[in-house]
């Protein structure tokens, strides 16, 4: 399982020379409403199996949750379904708020 830190993801998103990854946020809608990374696609964890068809199996996809546990589970599930370019955001939105974008609200 590949993982990326919040600082590494921020550098990637800020780099105009790199293609942007799909940002797959697997938290609940209320959590997404409090804070999210701009451009992220909300797909709550429980909905992933029924919505696999919405995801590009070839795209680099960073999976995001609050602290990194749900996203890790989803990333493992996606790998089991044949997705090869899945990356877990280590530490989740909590790490993003702390290490990459302090203006992002915490909860």
N, C-alpha and C. Protein backbone atom coordinates (compact mmCIF):
# COMPACT_ATOMS: atom_id res chain seq x y z
N UNK A 1 0.84 -1.19 0.00
CA UNK A 1 0.00 0.00 0.00
C UNK A 1 0.88 1.24 0.00
N UNK A 2 0.70 2.07 -1.00
CA UNK A 2 1.43 3.33 -1.05
C UNK A 2 0.75 4.35 -0.13
N UNK A 3 1.58 5.17 0.50
CA UNK A 3 1.05 6.24 1.35
C UNK A 3 1.78 7.54 0.99
N UNK A 4 1.13 8.65 1.27
CA UNK A 4 1.70 9.96 1.01
C UNK A 4 1.41 10.83 2.23
N UNK A 5 2.37 11.69 2.57
CA UNK A 5 2.14 12.61 3.68
C UNK A 5 1.39 13.83 3.17
N UNK A 6 0.85 14.59 4.10
CA UNK A 6 0.13 15.81 3.73
C UNK A 6 1.07 16.80 3.03
N UNK A 7 2.28 16.93 3.51
CA UNK A 7 3.25 17.85 2.89
C UNK A 7 3.57 17.40 1.46
N UNK A 8 3.74 16.10 1.27
CA UNK A 8 4.03 15.58 -0.07
C UNK A 8 2.85 15.81 -1.02
N UNK A 9 1.64 15.59 -0.52
CA UNK A 9 0.46 15.82 -1.35
C UNK A 9 0.33 17.30 -1.70
N UNK A 10 0.56 18.17 -0.75
CA UNK A 10 0.48 19.62 -1.02
C UNK A 10 1.47 20.02 -2.10
N UNK A 11 2.70 19.51 -2.02
CA UNK A 11 3.72 19.82 -3.02
C UNK A 11 3.28 19.30 -4.40
N UNK A 12 2.68 18.13 -4.44
CA UNK A 12 2.20 17.56 -5.69
C UNK A 12 1.10 18.44 -6.28
N UNK A 13 0.14 18.81 -5.46
CA UNK A 13 -0.97 19.63 -5.94
C UNK A 13 -0.51 21.02 -6.38
N UNK A 14 0.54 21.53 -5.77
CA UNK A 14 1.05 22.86 -6.09
C UNK A 14 2.00 22.86 -7.30
N UNK A 15 2.39 21.68 -7.77
CA UNK A 15 3.36 21.57 -8.87
C UNK A 15 2.65 21.61 -10.22
N UNK A 16 2.81 22.70 -10.97
CA UNK A 16 2.12 22.82 -12.25
C UNK A 16 2.63 21.83 -13.31
N UNK A 17 3.78 21.22 -13.07
CA UNK A 17 4.35 20.26 -14.03
C UNK A 17 3.78 18.85 -13.87
N UNK A 18 3.09 18.60 -12.77
CA UNK A 18 2.57 17.25 -12.52
C UNK A 18 1.07 17.19 -12.73
N UNK A 19 0.62 16.09 -13.31
CA UNK A 19 -0.82 15.86 -13.42
C UNK A 19 -1.39 15.69 -12.02
N UNK A 20 -2.56 16.25 -11.80
CA UNK A 20 -3.19 16.17 -10.48
C UNK A 20 -3.81 14.79 -10.28
N UNK A 21 -3.73 14.27 -9.06
CA UNK A 21 -4.38 13.00 -8.77
C UNK A 21 -5.88 13.20 -8.55
N UNK A 22 -6.61 12.11 -8.61
CA UNK A 22 -7.99 12.13 -8.15
C UNK A 22 -7.93 12.15 -6.63
N UNK A 23 -8.65 13.06 -6.02
CA UNK A 23 -8.72 13.14 -4.55
C UNK A 23 -10.05 12.53 -4.13
N UNK A 24 -10.00 11.33 -3.59
CA UNK A 24 -11.20 10.59 -3.22
C UNK A 24 -11.40 10.68 -1.71
N UNK A 25 -12.36 11.48 -1.29
CA UNK A 25 -12.64 11.69 0.13
C UNK A 25 -13.74 10.72 0.55
N UNK A 26 -13.41 9.82 1.48
CA UNK A 26 -14.34 8.76 1.87
C UNK A 26 -15.02 9.02 3.22
N UNK A 27 -14.97 10.27 3.67
CA UNK A 27 -15.63 10.62 4.93
C UNK A 27 -17.13 10.82 4.70
N UNK A 28 -17.82 11.14 5.76
CA UNK A 28 -19.25 11.41 5.69
C UNK A 28 -19.50 12.84 5.19
N UNK A 29 -20.67 13.09 4.61
CA UNK A 29 -20.95 14.44 4.08
C UNK A 29 -20.76 15.55 5.11
N UNK A 30 -21.15 15.33 6.38
CA UNK A 30 -20.99 16.38 7.37
C UNK A 30 -19.52 16.71 7.59
N UNK A 31 -18.65 15.68 7.54
CA UNK A 31 -17.22 15.91 7.72
C UNK A 31 -16.65 16.71 6.54
N UNK A 32 -17.07 16.32 5.35
CA UNK A 32 -16.64 17.01 4.13
C UNK A 32 -17.07 18.47 4.18
N UNK A 33 -18.26 18.71 4.74
CA UNK A 33 -18.76 20.07 4.86
C UNK A 33 -17.94 20.93 5.80
N UNK A 34 -17.34 20.32 6.80
CA UNK A 34 -16.49 21.06 7.75
C UNK A 34 -15.17 21.44 7.09
N UNK A 35 -14.57 20.49 6.39
CA UNK A 35 -13.26 20.74 5.78
C UNK A 35 -12.99 19.70 4.70
N UNK A 36 -12.43 20.17 3.60
CA UNK A 36 -12.00 19.24 2.54
C UNK A 36 -10.92 19.91 1.70
N UNK A 37 -10.20 19.11 0.97
CA UNK A 37 -9.19 19.63 0.06
C UNK A 37 -9.91 20.04 -1.22
N UNK A 38 -9.68 21.25 -1.71
CA UNK A 38 -10.35 21.69 -2.93
C UNK A 38 -10.16 20.70 -4.08
N UNK A 39 -11.27 20.41 -4.75
CA UNK A 39 -11.24 19.47 -5.87
C UNK A 39 -11.50 18.03 -5.49
N UNK A 40 -11.62 17.75 -4.19
CA UNK A 40 -11.85 16.37 -3.76
C UNK A 40 -13.26 15.92 -4.13
N UNK A 41 -13.37 14.63 -4.45
CA UNK A 41 -14.66 14.01 -4.76
C UNK A 41 -15.12 13.27 -3.51
N UNK A 42 -16.32 13.59 -3.04
CA UNK A 42 -16.87 12.93 -1.87
C UNK A 42 -17.55 11.62 -2.28
N UNK A 43 -17.10 10.54 -1.64
CA UNK A 43 -17.70 9.23 -1.85
C UNK A 43 -17.58 8.48 -0.52
N UNK A 44 -18.58 8.62 0.37
CA UNK A 44 -18.47 7.99 1.69
C UNK A 44 -18.10 6.51 1.61
N UNK A 45 -17.31 6.08 2.57
CA UNK A 45 -16.77 4.72 2.60
C UNK A 45 -17.82 3.65 2.30
N UNK A 46 -18.97 3.76 2.92
CA UNK A 46 -19.99 2.72 2.76
C UNK A 46 -20.53 2.65 1.33
N UNK A 47 -20.36 3.72 0.56
CA UNK A 47 -20.90 3.75 -0.80
C UNK A 47 -19.93 3.24 -1.86
N UNK A 48 -18.68 3.01 -1.48
CA UNK A 48 -17.64 2.66 -2.46
C UNK A 48 -18.00 1.42 -3.28
N UNK A 49 -18.38 0.29 -2.68
CA UNK A 49 -18.64 -0.90 -3.50
C UNK A 49 -19.68 -0.66 -4.61
N UNK A 50 -20.72 0.09 -4.29
CA UNK A 50 -21.78 0.34 -5.28
C UNK A 50 -21.39 1.39 -6.31
N UNK A 51 -20.34 2.15 -6.02
CA UNK A 51 -19.98 3.27 -6.90
C UNK A 51 -18.63 3.08 -7.59
N UNK A 52 -18.08 1.86 -7.56
CA UNK A 52 -16.79 1.60 -8.19
C UNK A 52 -16.76 2.05 -9.64
N UNK A 53 -17.87 1.90 -10.33
CA UNK A 53 -17.93 2.26 -11.75
C UNK A 53 -17.65 3.75 -11.99
N UNK A 54 -17.76 4.58 -10.96
CA UNK A 54 -17.51 6.01 -11.10
C UNK A 54 -16.02 6.35 -11.05
N UNK A 55 -15.21 5.38 -10.68
CA UNK A 55 -13.77 5.63 -10.50
C UNK A 55 -12.97 5.10 -11.68
N UNK A 56 -11.92 5.83 -12.03
CA UNK A 56 -11.02 5.44 -13.11
C UNK A 56 -9.94 4.53 -12.54
N UNK A 57 -9.93 3.29 -12.99
CA UNK A 57 -8.97 2.31 -12.47
C UNK A 57 -7.52 2.68 -12.77
N UNK A 58 -7.30 3.50 -13.78
CA UNK A 58 -5.94 3.86 -14.19
C UNK A 58 -5.43 5.14 -13.54
N UNK A 59 -6.33 5.96 -13.04
CA UNK A 59 -5.94 7.26 -12.49
C UNK A 59 -5.20 7.13 -11.16
N UNK A 60 -4.22 8.01 -10.95
CA UNK A 60 -3.59 8.09 -9.64
C UNK A 60 -4.64 8.65 -8.70
N UNK A 61 -4.95 7.91 -7.64
CA UNK A 61 -6.02 8.27 -6.74
C UNK A 61 -5.51 8.32 -5.32
N UNK A 62 -5.67 9.48 -4.68
CA UNK A 62 -5.30 9.64 -3.28
C UNK A 62 -6.59 9.54 -2.47
N UNK A 63 -6.63 8.59 -1.55
CA UNK A 63 -7.82 8.35 -0.72
C UNK A 63 -7.63 9.10 0.60
N UNK A 64 -8.70 9.81 1.01
CA UNK A 64 -8.63 10.74 2.15
C UNK A 64 -9.74 10.44 3.15
N UNK A 65 -9.41 10.49 4.44
CA UNK A 65 -10.43 10.47 5.50
C UNK A 65 -9.96 11.40 6.61
N UNK A 66 -10.48 11.22 7.82
CA UNK A 66 -10.13 12.13 8.93
C UNK A 66 -8.71 11.90 9.44
N UNK A 67 -8.38 10.65 9.80
CA UNK A 67 -7.06 10.35 10.36
C UNK A 67 -6.25 9.34 9.55
N UNK A 68 -6.82 8.79 8.49
CA UNK A 68 -6.08 7.87 7.64
C UNK A 68 -6.46 6.41 7.76
N UNK A 69 -7.33 6.05 8.70
CA UNK A 69 -7.70 4.64 8.89
C UNK A 69 -8.75 4.19 7.88
N UNK A 70 -9.84 4.95 7.75
CA UNK A 70 -10.87 4.58 6.77
C UNK A 70 -10.31 4.61 5.36
N UNK A 71 -9.51 5.63 5.07
CA UNK A 71 -8.95 5.73 3.73
C UNK A 71 -8.00 4.57 3.44
N UNK A 72 -7.28 4.12 4.44
CA UNK A 72 -6.39 2.97 4.27
C UNK A 72 -7.21 1.73 3.92
N UNK A 73 -8.31 1.53 4.62
CA UNK A 73 -9.18 0.38 4.34
C UNK A 73 -9.76 0.46 2.94
N UNK A 74 -10.19 1.65 2.53
CA UNK A 74 -10.75 1.83 1.19
C UNK A 74 -9.66 1.60 0.14
N UNK A 75 -8.47 2.11 0.38
CA UNK A 75 -7.38 1.92 -0.57
C UNK A 75 -7.07 0.44 -0.74
N UNK A 76 -7.05 -0.31 0.36
CA UNK A 76 -6.83 -1.76 0.27
C UNK A 76 -7.94 -2.42 -0.54
N UNK A 77 -9.17 -2.04 -0.29
CA UNK A 77 -10.31 -2.58 -1.03
C UNK A 77 -10.15 -2.28 -2.52
N UNK A 78 -9.80 -1.05 -2.86
CA UNK A 78 -9.63 -0.68 -4.27
C UNK A 78 -8.52 -1.50 -4.92
N UNK A 79 -7.42 -1.71 -4.20
CA UNK A 79 -6.35 -2.55 -4.73
C UNK A 79 -6.86 -3.96 -5.00
N UNK A 80 -7.68 -4.49 -4.10
CA UNK A 80 -8.24 -5.83 -4.28
C UNK A 80 -9.17 -5.89 -5.48
N UNK A 81 -9.71 -4.75 -5.87
CA UNK A 81 -10.61 -4.68 -7.03
C UNK A 81 -9.85 -4.39 -8.33
N UNK A 82 -8.52 -4.35 -8.25
CA UNK A 82 -7.72 -4.18 -9.44
C UNK A 82 -7.20 -2.78 -9.70
N UNK A 83 -7.44 -1.84 -8.79
CA UNK A 83 -6.90 -0.49 -8.93
C UNK A 83 -5.41 -0.55 -8.56
N UNK A 84 -4.56 0.00 -9.42
CA UNK A 84 -3.12 -0.11 -9.21
C UNK A 84 -2.45 1.18 -8.75
N UNK A 85 -3.12 2.30 -8.89
CA UNK A 85 -2.51 3.59 -8.59
C UNK A 85 -3.21 4.27 -7.42
N UNK A 86 -3.36 3.54 -6.33
CA UNK A 86 -4.07 4.05 -5.16
C UNK A 86 -3.06 4.42 -4.08
N UNK A 87 -3.27 5.58 -3.48
CA UNK A 87 -2.36 6.09 -2.45
C UNK A 87 -3.20 6.57 -1.27
N UNK A 88 -2.82 6.17 -0.07
CA UNK A 88 -3.51 6.63 1.14
C UNK A 88 -2.86 7.90 1.67
N UNK A 89 -3.70 8.89 2.04
CA UNK A 89 -3.18 10.10 2.69
C UNK A 89 -2.92 9.76 4.15
N UNK A 90 -1.65 9.59 4.49
CA UNK A 90 -1.25 9.23 5.84
C UNK A 90 -1.61 10.36 6.80
N UNK A 91 -2.39 10.03 7.81
CA UNK A 91 -2.79 11.03 8.81
C UNK A 91 -4.05 11.80 8.44
N UNK A 92 -4.53 11.61 7.21
CA UNK A 92 -5.79 12.18 6.77
C UNK A 92 -5.88 13.70 6.85
N UNK A 93 -7.13 14.16 6.97
CA UNK A 93 -7.39 15.61 7.02
C UNK A 93 -6.78 16.25 8.26
N UNK A 94 -6.63 15.49 9.32
CA UNK A 94 -6.00 16.05 10.52
C UNK A 94 -4.56 16.45 10.21
N UNK A 95 -3.85 15.59 9.48
CA UNK A 95 -2.47 15.91 9.08
C UNK A 95 -2.45 17.04 8.06
N UNK A 96 -3.44 17.05 7.15
CA UNK A 96 -3.52 18.12 6.15
C UNK A 96 -3.65 19.48 6.85
N UNK A 97 -4.54 19.56 7.83
CA UNK A 97 -4.75 20.81 8.56
C UNK A 97 -3.51 21.23 9.35
N UNK A 98 -2.84 20.25 9.92
CA UNK A 98 -1.66 20.52 10.76
C UNK A 98 -0.42 20.83 9.92
N UNK A 99 -0.18 20.06 8.85
CA UNK A 99 1.11 20.10 8.16
C UNK A 99 1.11 20.78 6.79
N UNK A 100 -0.06 20.85 6.14
CA UNK A 100 -0.07 21.35 4.76
C UNK A 100 -0.83 22.66 4.60
N UNK A 101 -1.97 22.77 5.27
CA UNK A 101 -2.81 23.97 5.11
C UNK A 101 -3.48 24.30 6.43
N UNK A 102 -2.79 25.04 7.29
CA UNK A 102 -3.34 25.38 8.60
C UNK A 102 -4.66 26.16 8.57
N UNK A 103 -5.01 26.71 7.40
CA UNK A 103 -6.30 27.43 7.31
C UNK A 103 -7.48 26.46 7.20
N UNK A 104 -7.20 25.18 7.00
CA UNK A 104 -8.26 24.17 6.93
C UNK A 104 -8.78 23.89 8.33
N UNK A 105 -10.10 24.01 8.53
CA UNK A 105 -10.66 23.75 9.87
C UNK A 105 -10.40 22.33 10.34
N UNK A 106 -10.33 22.19 11.65
CA UNK A 106 -10.20 20.87 12.26
C UNK A 106 -11.49 20.55 13.00
N UNK A 107 -11.68 19.27 13.29
CA UNK A 107 -12.86 18.84 14.03
C UNK A 107 -12.55 17.60 14.81
